[in-house]
Amino acid sequence: MGKGNKIKKGAIILFIVIIILITGVVLAHKFLNMQEVKEKAQEIIKNEPKQTSPRIFNYNSKERPVAVMLDNNTNAWPHSNINNTYLIYEMEVEGGESRLMALFKDKQDVVKQVGPIRSARHYFLDYAMENDVLYAHIGQSPKAESDLKTLKMPDINGQLYDTLKPRNEQNEKEFWREKSKVRPHNAYTSIKNLFNIAKDPKVKYAIESTVKPSFKYSIDKEIELTGEDVLDATKVTGKYNNNNKTVFEYDKEKKEYTKTSKGKLQKDEASGEVYTIKNLIVLNAPTSDLTDPEHKGRKDVKTVGTLEGYYITNGKAIKIKATKDSRQGKTKYTDLKGNEIEVNDGRTYIMIVPMDEKIVVEGEDSAKGSVKETVKEEPKKAKKTR
């Protein structure tokens, strides 16, 4: 090989080496930049507020909420898909019982069975209207029947769709009966079926809504109640009578409350999981006997005006007022200074009990020891109206 060829070959090798070195430097620089970006991203994630409870629904969704009246007799338990609700109201009905109105949103493809379903009572309509829901039930009291027509509610009465038989997959609008429970505590439907009924040309209810949720939800940060007026709330008790008492107990690890009614821990029939609550509101309301044509001892619960009670979340409680200026009007929940409360992103439960039943809040405060508070020192009994 000539001297010229050797020089040429050496130059080529040197060129290749230089290219490799340059490439290595460039790659190393990019790698370092990527590491820096990665570290910065991890730092941002680390410093972001943690979402400790799942988002209850898509806040940008226009899908109309659905409210379903749930049977709360022990023969109806457990309730199906209550862990897929975003809001539940509980109020007294006749015979010492209470009933639930469970609200769902964006759950058509998730909640394939909801129930057991029972009949409507007129005072539940006040909260149904402020949430702009499709209102589902099976039957109604005389007063509820009148109000459903007068108030022009988007009413889905399951009596018109009840097959009285086990589920028929071919029927997209049906209410069905589960053999595992006895009538009348065994009626079910699905959220998709309710929307199919609403879209029926003979019904034509709006399936979209622009009405905002009843509460101001905190999505980006966890609400922790602080201040001099804040109470420890590891155990909260509300009742309608001595045989119908509910105890909510705080789970420190999950930062949620469990619900035990009539001595039984409440679970979700669909999943088998314990029913848990992020936000708890317990209120006293004037309650009286109502005379209707059926003379079954039905009740009237006053929702319009100002009710007093507690907002409870994350093991703490504050006293609040719930003000509603009309049956259709939206309830405003404020602290005792008049500030609208902000609630955590998660399932909310509103229990409304009679004026003559105390709401008991208990907890362990390191400075005060055991604490037990009631909403009123001497609650006055509501006058009966006939």
Protein backbone atom coordinates (compact mmCIF):
# COMPACT_ATOMS: atom_id res chain seq x y z
CA MET A 1 0.00 0.00 0.00
CA GLY A 2 1.39 3.41 -0.95
CA LYS A 3 2.07 6.23 1.43
CA GLY A 4 -0.79 8.28 -0.08
CA ASN A 5 -3.28 5.49 0.51
CA LYS A 6 -2.18 5.15 4.13
CA ILE A 7 -2.67 8.88 4.72
CA LYS A 8 -6.07 8.73 3.04
CA LYS A 9 -7.11 5.73 5.12
CA GLY A 10 -5.92 7.41 8.32
CA ALA A 11 -7.88 10.54 7.46
CA ILE A 12 -11.03 8.46 6.94
CA ILE A 13 -10.55 6.71 10.27
CA LEU A 14 -9.94 10.04 12.00
CA PHE A 15 -13.07 11.47 10.39
CA ILE A 16 -15.14 8.50 11.57
CA VAL A 17 -13.72 8.85 15.08
CA ILE A 18 -14.57 12.55 15.12
CA ILE A 19 -18.13 11.82 13.91
CA ILE A 20 -18.54 9.18 16.63
CA LEU A 21 -17.24 11.59 19.27
CA ILE A 22 -19.53 14.39 18.09
CA THR A 23 -22.49 12.01 17.99
CA GLY A 24 -21.63 10.81 21.48
CA VAL A 25 -21.43 14.37 22.78
CA VAL A 26 -24.77 15.25 21.14
CA LEU A 27 -26.47 12.11 22.51
CA ALA A 28 -25.00 12.68 25.96
CA HIS A 29 -26.24 16.26 25.89
CA LYS A 30 -29.71 15.12 24.83
CA PHE A 31 -29.71 12.41 27.50
CA LEU A 32 -28.76 14.94 30.16
CA ASN A 33 -31.48 17.29 28.93
CA MET A 34 -33.99 14.43 28.98
CA GLN A 35 -32.94 13.54 32.52
CA GLU A 36 -33.30 17.17 33.53
CA VAL A 37 -36.77 17.36 31.95
CA LYS A 38 -37.73 14.07 33.59
CA GLU A 39 -36.54 15.28 37.00
CA LYS A 40 -38.43 18.55 36.61
CA ALA A 41 -41.59 16.68 35.59
CA GLN A 42 -41.28 14.40 38.62
CA GLU A 43 -40.81 17.45 40.84
CA ILE A 44 -43.94 19.07 39.39
CA ILE A 45 -45.95 15.88 39.91
CA LYS A 46 -44.59 15.57 43.44
CA ASN A 47 -45.65 19.12 44.29
CA GLU A 48 -49.11 18.88 42.71
CA PRO A 49 -52.08 18.53 45.09
CA LYS A 50 -52.99 14.86 45.40
CA GLN A 51 -56.49 13.79 44.38
CA THR A 52 -57.43 11.54 47.27
CA SER A 53 -60.92 10.71 46.01
CA PRO A 54 -62.01 9.81 42.48
CA ARG A 55 -63.64 12.48 40.35
CA ILE A 56 -67.34 11.82 40.80
CA PHE A 57 -68.30 12.82 37.26
CA ASN A 58 -67.07 14.83 34.30
CA TYR A 59 -67.75 18.45 35.25
CA ASN A 60 -67.83 19.45 31.59
CA SER A 61 -70.45 16.83 30.73
CA LYS A 62 -73.90 18.02 29.70
CA GLU A 63 -75.56 14.67 30.32
CA ARG A 64 -78.60 15.17 32.51
CA PRO A 65 -78.39 13.65 36.01
CA VAL A 66 -80.77 10.86 36.98
CA ALA A 67 -82.44 10.56 40.40
CA VAL A 68 -83.77 7.18 41.51
CA MET A 69 -85.97 6.64 44.57
CA LEU A 70 -84.47 3.80 46.61
CA ASP A 71 -86.29 1.58 49.07
CA ASN A 72 -84.65 1.74 52.51
CA ASN A 73 -86.50 -1.11 54.19
CA THR A 74 -84.17 -3.83 55.50
CA ASN A 75 -85.77 -6.28 53.03
CA ALA A 76 -84.44 -4.12 50.19
CA TRP A 77 -80.81 -4.08 51.32
CA PRO A 78 -78.21 -3.96 49.94
CA HIS A 79 -78.70 -1.19 47.40
CA SER A 80 -77.24 -1.74 43.95
CA ASN A 81 -74.55 0.63 42.60
CA ILE A 82 -74.73 3.19 45.42
CA ASN A 83 -70.95 3.55 45.11
CA ASN A 84 -71.61 4.94 41.63
CA THR A 85 -73.80 7.77 42.94
CA TYR A 86 -72.45 11.28 43.34
CA LEU A 87 -75.18 12.47 45.72
CA ILE A 88 -77.81 10.83 47.96
CA TYR A 89 -80.62 12.49 49.93
CA GLU A 90 -82.29 10.64 52.81
CA MET A 91 -85.56 11.78 54.41
CA GLU A 92 -88.32 10.32 56.54
CA VAL A 93 -91.42 8.63 55.15
CA GLU A 94 -94.37 6.99 56.88
CA GLY A 95 -94.21 4.02 59.24
CA GLY A 96 -90.94 5.06 60.87
CA GLU A 97 -89.03 4.39 57.65
CA SER A 98 -86.85 6.64 55.53
CA ARG A 99 -86.22 6.66 51.80
CA LEU A 100 -83.23 7.58 49.63
CA MET A 101 -83.03 9.61 46.43
CA ALA A 102 -79.83 8.56 44.65
CA LEU A 103 -78.32 10.75 41.93
CA PHE A 104 -76.20 9.44 39.05
CA LYS A 105 -74.40 11.24 36.22
CA ASP A 106 -72.45 9.87 33.24
CA LYS A 107 -73.19 6.28 34.28
CA GLN A 108 -75.19 4.87 31.36
CA ASP A 109 -72.54 2.32 30.46
CA VAL A 110 -71.61 1.58 34.09
CA VAL A 111 -74.79 1.23 36.13
CA LYS A 112 -76.55 -1.74 34.59
CA GLN A 113 -78.69 -2.36 37.66
CA VAL A 114 -80.02 0.18 40.16
CA GLY A 115 -82.47 -0.40 42.98
CA PRO A 116 -84.49 -1.60 44.76
CA ILE A 117 -86.80 1.20 43.62
CA ARG A 118 -89.82 2.52 45.52
CA SER A 119 -92.42 5.28 45.28
CA ALA A 120 -92.14 9.07 45.20
CA ARG A 121 -92.80 11.53 48.04
CA HIS A 122 -93.48 15.19 47.26
CA TYR A 123 -90.69 16.78 49.34
CA PHE A 124 -87.99 14.83 47.48
CA LEU A 125 -89.12 16.70 44.36
CA ASP A 126 -87.76 19.93 45.87
CA TYR A 127 -84.22 18.57 45.69
CA ALA A 128 -84.85 16.78 42.39
CA MET A 129 -85.77 20.10 40.76
CA GLU A 130 -82.71 21.99 41.97
CA ASN A 131 -80.49 19.29 40.46
CA ASP A 132 -82.48 19.21 37.16
CA VAL A 133 -82.75 15.42 37.13
CA LEU A 134 -84.72 12.79 35.30
CA TYR A 135 -86.82 11.53 38.22
CA ALA A 136 -87.36 7.75 38.41
CA HIS A 137 -89.61 5.88 40.84
CA ILE A 138 -92.32 3.19 41.02
CA GLY A 139 -95.62 4.72 42.10
CA GLN A 140 -96.18 7.78 44.27
CA SER A 141 -98.19 9.22 47.14
CA PRO A 142 -101.29 11.30 46.24
CA LYS A 143 -99.45 14.57 47.01
CA ALA A 144 -96.44 13.50 44.93
CA GLU A 145 -98.70 12.49 42.05
CA SER A 146 -100.32 15.93 42.07
CA ASP A 147 -97.00 17.77 42.35
CA LEU A 148 -95.35 15.76 39.57
CA LYS A 149 -98.02 17.06 37.20
CA THR A 150 -98.22 20.62 38.56
CA LEU A 151 -94.46 21.08 38.61
CA LYS A 152 -94.11 19.43 35.17
CA MET A 153 -91.38 17.11 36.36
CA PRO A 154 -89.48 14.85 33.92
CA ASP A 155 -91.25 11.94 35.56
CA ILE A 156 -90.37 8.29 34.87
CA ASN A 157 -92.89 6.14 36.72
CA GLY A 158 -91.74 2.54 36.66
CA GLN A 159 -95.31 1.30 37.04
CA LEU A 160 -95.65 1.93 33.30
CA TYR A 161 -92.59 -0.20 32.49
CA ASP A 162 -92.56 -2.84 35.24
CA THR A 163 -92.61 -6.35 33.77
CA LEU A 164 -93.02 -7.91 37.27
CA LYS A 165 -90.63 -10.55 35.92
CA PRO A 166 -86.86 -11.17 36.03
CA ARG A 167 -84.80 -9.05 33.66
CA ASN A 168 -85.46 -9.37 29.95
CA GLU A 169 -82.35 -8.32 28.01
CA GLN A 170 -84.44 -7.62 24.90
CA ASN A 171 -86.45 -4.90 26.60
CA GLU A 172 -84.49 -1.63 26.64
CA LYS A 173 -87.04 0.31 28.72
CA GLU A 174 -88.04 -2.13 31.38
CA PHE A 175 -88.08 -2.26 35.15
CA TRP A 176 -87.67 -5.82 36.36
CA ARG A 177 -87.87 -7.91 39.56
CA GLU A 178 -85.06 -9.80 41.26
CA LYS A 179 -86.06 -13.20 42.68
CA SER A 180 -83.49 -12.89 45.48
CA LYS A 181 -85.72 -10.35 47.25
CA VAL A 182 -89.42 -10.24 48.05
CA ARG A 183 -91.95 -7.85 46.53
CA PRO A 184 -92.31 -4.90 46.80
CA HIS A 185 -88.63 -4.61 47.75
CA ASN A 186 -87.17 -6.09 44.54
CA ALA A 187 -87.71 -3.66 41.63
CA TYR A 188 -84.72 -2.61 39.50
CA THR A 189 -83.82 -0.87 36.26
CA SER A 190 -80.66 0.49 34.60
CA ILE A 191 -79.51 4.02 33.87
CA LYS A 192 -79.45 3.30 30.16
CA ASN A 193 -83.06 2.08 30.32
CA LEU A 194 -84.07 5.35 31.96
CA PHE A 195 -82.41 7.35 29.17
CA ASN A 196 -84.12 5.15 26.57
CA ILE A 197 -87.46 6.00 28.19
CA ALA A 198 -86.58 9.70 28.24
CA LYS A 199 -85.68 9.62 24.52
CA ASP A 200 -88.87 7.77 23.55
CA PRO A 201 -90.85 9.91 21.04
CA LYS A 202 -93.91 9.56 23.30
CA VAL A 203 -91.95 10.99 26.26
CA LYS A 204 -89.31 13.35 24.83
CA TYR A 205 -87.59 14.52 28.00
CA ALA A 206 -84.41 16.55 27.61
CA ILE A 207 -81.36 14.36 28.13
CA GLU A 208 -78.91 17.23 28.47
CA SER A 209 -78.62 19.84 31.20
CA THR A 210 -76.53 22.94 31.81
CA VAL A 211 -77.54 23.24 35.47
CA LYS A 212 -74.51 23.37 37.73
CA PRO A 213 -74.10 20.90 40.62
CA SER A 214 -75.69 21.82 43.94
CA PHE A 215 -72.28 22.30 45.53
CA LYS A 216 -69.06 24.08 44.84
CA TYR A 217 -66.69 21.12 44.46
CA SER A 218 -62.97 21.45 45.12
CA ILE A 219 -61.30 19.54 42.28
CA ASP A 220 -57.67 20.63 42.52
CA LYS A 221 -57.14 20.52 46.26
CA GLU A 222 -58.31 18.59 49.28
CA ILE A 223 -60.56 20.55 51.66
CA GLU A 224 -59.45 20.32 55.29
CA LEU A 225 -61.74 22.05 57.78
CA THR A 226 -59.74 24.27 60.14
CA GLY A 227 -60.40 26.98 62.69
CA GLU A 228 -61.70 27.50 66.21
CA ASP A 229 -65.23 26.33 65.39
CA VAL A 230 -64.14 23.04 63.82
CA LEU A 231 -65.08 19.85 65.67
CA ASP A 232 -63.54 16.41 65.54
CA ALA A 233 -66.01 14.14 63.77
CA THR A 234 -64.94 10.50 63.84
CA LYS A 235 -68.51 9.40 64.55
CA VAL A 236 -71.77 11.09 63.52
CA THR A 237 -75.23 9.86 64.45
CA GLY A 238 -78.60 10.84 63.03
CA LYS A 239 -81.96 9.14 63.52
CA TYR A 240 -85.65 9.25 62.66
CA ASN A 241 -86.63 7.22 65.69
CA ASN A 242 -85.01 4.70 68.05
CA ASN A 243 -85.50 1.91 65.51
CA ASN A 244 -84.17 3.85 62.54
CA LYS A 245 -80.75 5.20 63.48
CA THR A 246 -77.71 5.72 61.27
CA VAL A 247 -74.10 5.96 62.39
CA PHE A 248 -71.36 7.33 60.11
CA GLU A 249 -67.82 6.36 61.14
CA TYR A 250 -64.60 7.83 59.83
CA ASP A 251 -61.94 5.65 58.19
CA LYS A 252 -58.66 7.54 58.65
CA GLU A 253 -56.79 5.53 56.01
CA LYS A 254 -59.37 6.02 53.24
CA LYS A 255 -60.40 9.48 54.50
CA GLU A 256 -64.03 8.52 54.00
CA TYR A 257 -67.05 7.61 56.12
CA THR A 258 -68.86 4.30 56.30
CA LYS A 259 -72.58 4.09 57.00
CA THR A 260 -74.26 1.72 59.45
CA SER A 261 -78.09 1.80 59.46
CA LYS A 262 -80.25 -0.08 61.93
CA GLY A 263 -77.09 -1.80 63.11
CA LYS A 264 -76.01 -3.03 59.67
CA LEU A 265 -72.99 -1.83 57.70
CA GLN A 266 -74.17 -0.68 54.28
CA LYS A 267 -72.61 -2.25 51.18
CA ASP A 268 -73.00 -1.96 47.43
CA GLU A 269 -74.92 -4.94 46.06
CA ALA A 270 -73.28 -4.67 42.63
CA SER A 271 -69.66 -4.74 43.82
CA GLY A 272 -69.96 -6.16 47.33
CA GLU A 273 -67.83 -3.27 48.57
CA VAL A 274 -68.60 -1.16 51.60
CA TYR A 275 -70.47 2.05 50.76
CA THR A 276 -68.27 5.06 51.52
CA ILE A 277 -68.94 8.79 51.73
CA LYS A 278 -66.53 11.71 51.28
CA ASN A 279 -68.86 14.56 52.24
CA LEU A 280 -71.61 14.25 54.84
CA ILE A 281 -74.30 16.84 55.52
CA VAL A 282 -76.79 16.22 58.32
CA LEU A 283 -79.63 18.71 58.84
CA ASN A 284 -82.67 19.16 61.08
CA ALA A 285 -85.95 20.04 59.33
CA PRO A 286 -89.51 20.67 60.56
CA THR A 287 -91.45 17.46 59.93
CA SER A 288 -95.20 17.00 60.37
CA ASP A 289 -97.95 14.51 59.69
CA LEU A 290 -99.76 14.91 56.39
CA THR A 291 -103.37 13.93 55.80
CA ASP A 292 -103.99 12.55 52.34
CA PRO A 293 -106.86 10.52 50.83
CA GLU A 294 -105.12 7.22 51.63
CA HIS A 295 -104.67 8.03 55.37
CA LYS A 296 -101.37 6.14 55.64
CA GLY A 297 -99.63 8.52 58.04
CA ARG A 298 -97.46 10.14 55.40
CA LYS A 299 -95.13 13.00 56.25
CA ASP A 300 -94.39 16.54 55.16
CA VAL A 301 -90.79 17.75 55.41
CA LYS A 302 -90.13 21.48 55.19
CA THR A 303 -87.28 22.16 52.78
CA VAL A 304 -87.93 25.86 52.05
CA GLY A 305 -86.38 28.32 54.48
CA THR A 306 -83.23 27.80 56.54
CA LEU A 307 -82.22 24.43 58.01
CA GLU A 308 -79.34 23.98 60.43
CA GLY A 309 -76.87 21.16 60.79
CA TYR A 310 -73.32 20.11 60.00
CA TYR A 311 -70.94 19.71 57.09
CA ILE A 312 -68.51 16.85 57.76
CA THR A 313 -65.46 15.74 55.80
CA ASN A 314 -62.03 14.24 56.51
CA GLY A 315 -62.80 13.64 60.19
CA LYS A 316 -63.87 17.22 60.94
CA ALA A 317 -67.20 19.06 61.15
CA ILE A 318 -68.51 22.62 61.08
CA LYS A 319 -71.97 23.95 61.79
CA ILE A 320 -73.78 25.15 58.68
CA LYS A 321 -77.03 26.59 57.39
CA ALA A 322 -78.88 25.34 54.30
CA THR A 323 -81.08 28.05 52.79
CA LYS A 324 -83.64 27.42 50.05
CA ASP A 325 -85.93 30.26 48.92
CA SER A 326 -88.43 28.19 46.94
CA ARG A 327 -89.18 24.58 46.07
CA GLN A 328 -87.48 25.03 42.70
CA GLY A 329 -84.66 27.15 44.10
CA LYS A 330 -81.14 25.84 44.65
CA THR A 331 -80.09 25.27 48.25
CA LYS A 332 -77.19 27.41 49.41
CA TYR A 333 -74.97 25.81 52.05
CA THR A 334 -73.03 28.30 54.19
CA ASP A 335 -70.98 28.36 57.37
CA LEU A 336 -72.25 30.43 60.30
CA LYS A 337 -70.42 33.49 58.93
CA GLY A 338 -72.38 33.30 55.68
CA ASN A 339 -69.56 31.91 53.50
CA GLU A 340 -70.61 29.29 50.96
CA ILE A 341 -68.97 26.00 51.82
CA GLU A 342 -66.73 24.16 49.40
CA VAL A 343 -66.94 20.37 49.40
CA ASN A 344 -64.43 17.70 48.50
CA ASP A 345 -64.56 15.89 45.19
CA GLY A 346 -66.33 12.66 46.08
CA ARG A 347 -69.61 11.05 47.05
CA THR A 348 -71.89 13.28 49.12
CA TYR A 349 -74.65 12.15 51.49
CA ILE A 350 -77.37 14.47 52.82
CA MET A 351 -79.40 13.17 55.75
CA ILE A 352 -82.37 15.30 56.83
CA VAL A 353 -83.85 14.37 60.21
CA PRO A 354 -86.79 15.77 62.23
CA MET A 355 -86.32 18.78 64.52
CA ASP A 356 -86.90 16.71 67.64
CA GLU A 357 -84.05 14.30 66.84
CA LYS A 358 -80.56 15.39 67.82
CA ILE A 359 -77.59 15.19 65.49
CA VAL A 360 -74.65 13.88 67.51
CA VAL A 361 -71.05 14.57 66.45
CA GLU A 362 -68.32 12.75 68.36
CA GLY A 363 -64.54 12.76 68.12
CA GLU A 364 -61.23 12.71 69.90
CA ASP A 365 -59.56 16.08 70.31
CA SER A 366 -56.06 15.90 71.83
CA ALA A 367 -56.60 19.17 73.67
CA LYS A 368 -60.19 18.70 74.79
CA GLY A 369 -60.43 14.92 75.14
CA SER A 370 -63.67 13.23 74.11
CA VAL A 371 -66.04 15.66 72.40
CA LYS A 372 -69.76 15.20 71.83
CA GLU A 373 -71.78 17.95 70.14
CA THR A 374 -75.43 18.25 69.15
CA VAL A 375 -76.93 20.65 66.66
CA LYS A 376 -79.30 22.18 69.22
CA GLU A 377 -79.28 22.23 73.01
CA GLU A 378 -83.03 21.75 73.27
CA PRO A 379 -84.57 21.05 69.86
CA LYS A 380 -88.21 22.01 69.62
CA LYS A 381 -90.78 19.57 68.33
CA ALA A 382 -92.45 20.51 65.08
CA LYS A 383 -96.14 21.25 65.28
CA LYS A 384 -98.38 18.72 63.60
CA THR A 385 -100.62 19.94 60.80
CA ARG A 386 -103.74 18.30 59.58
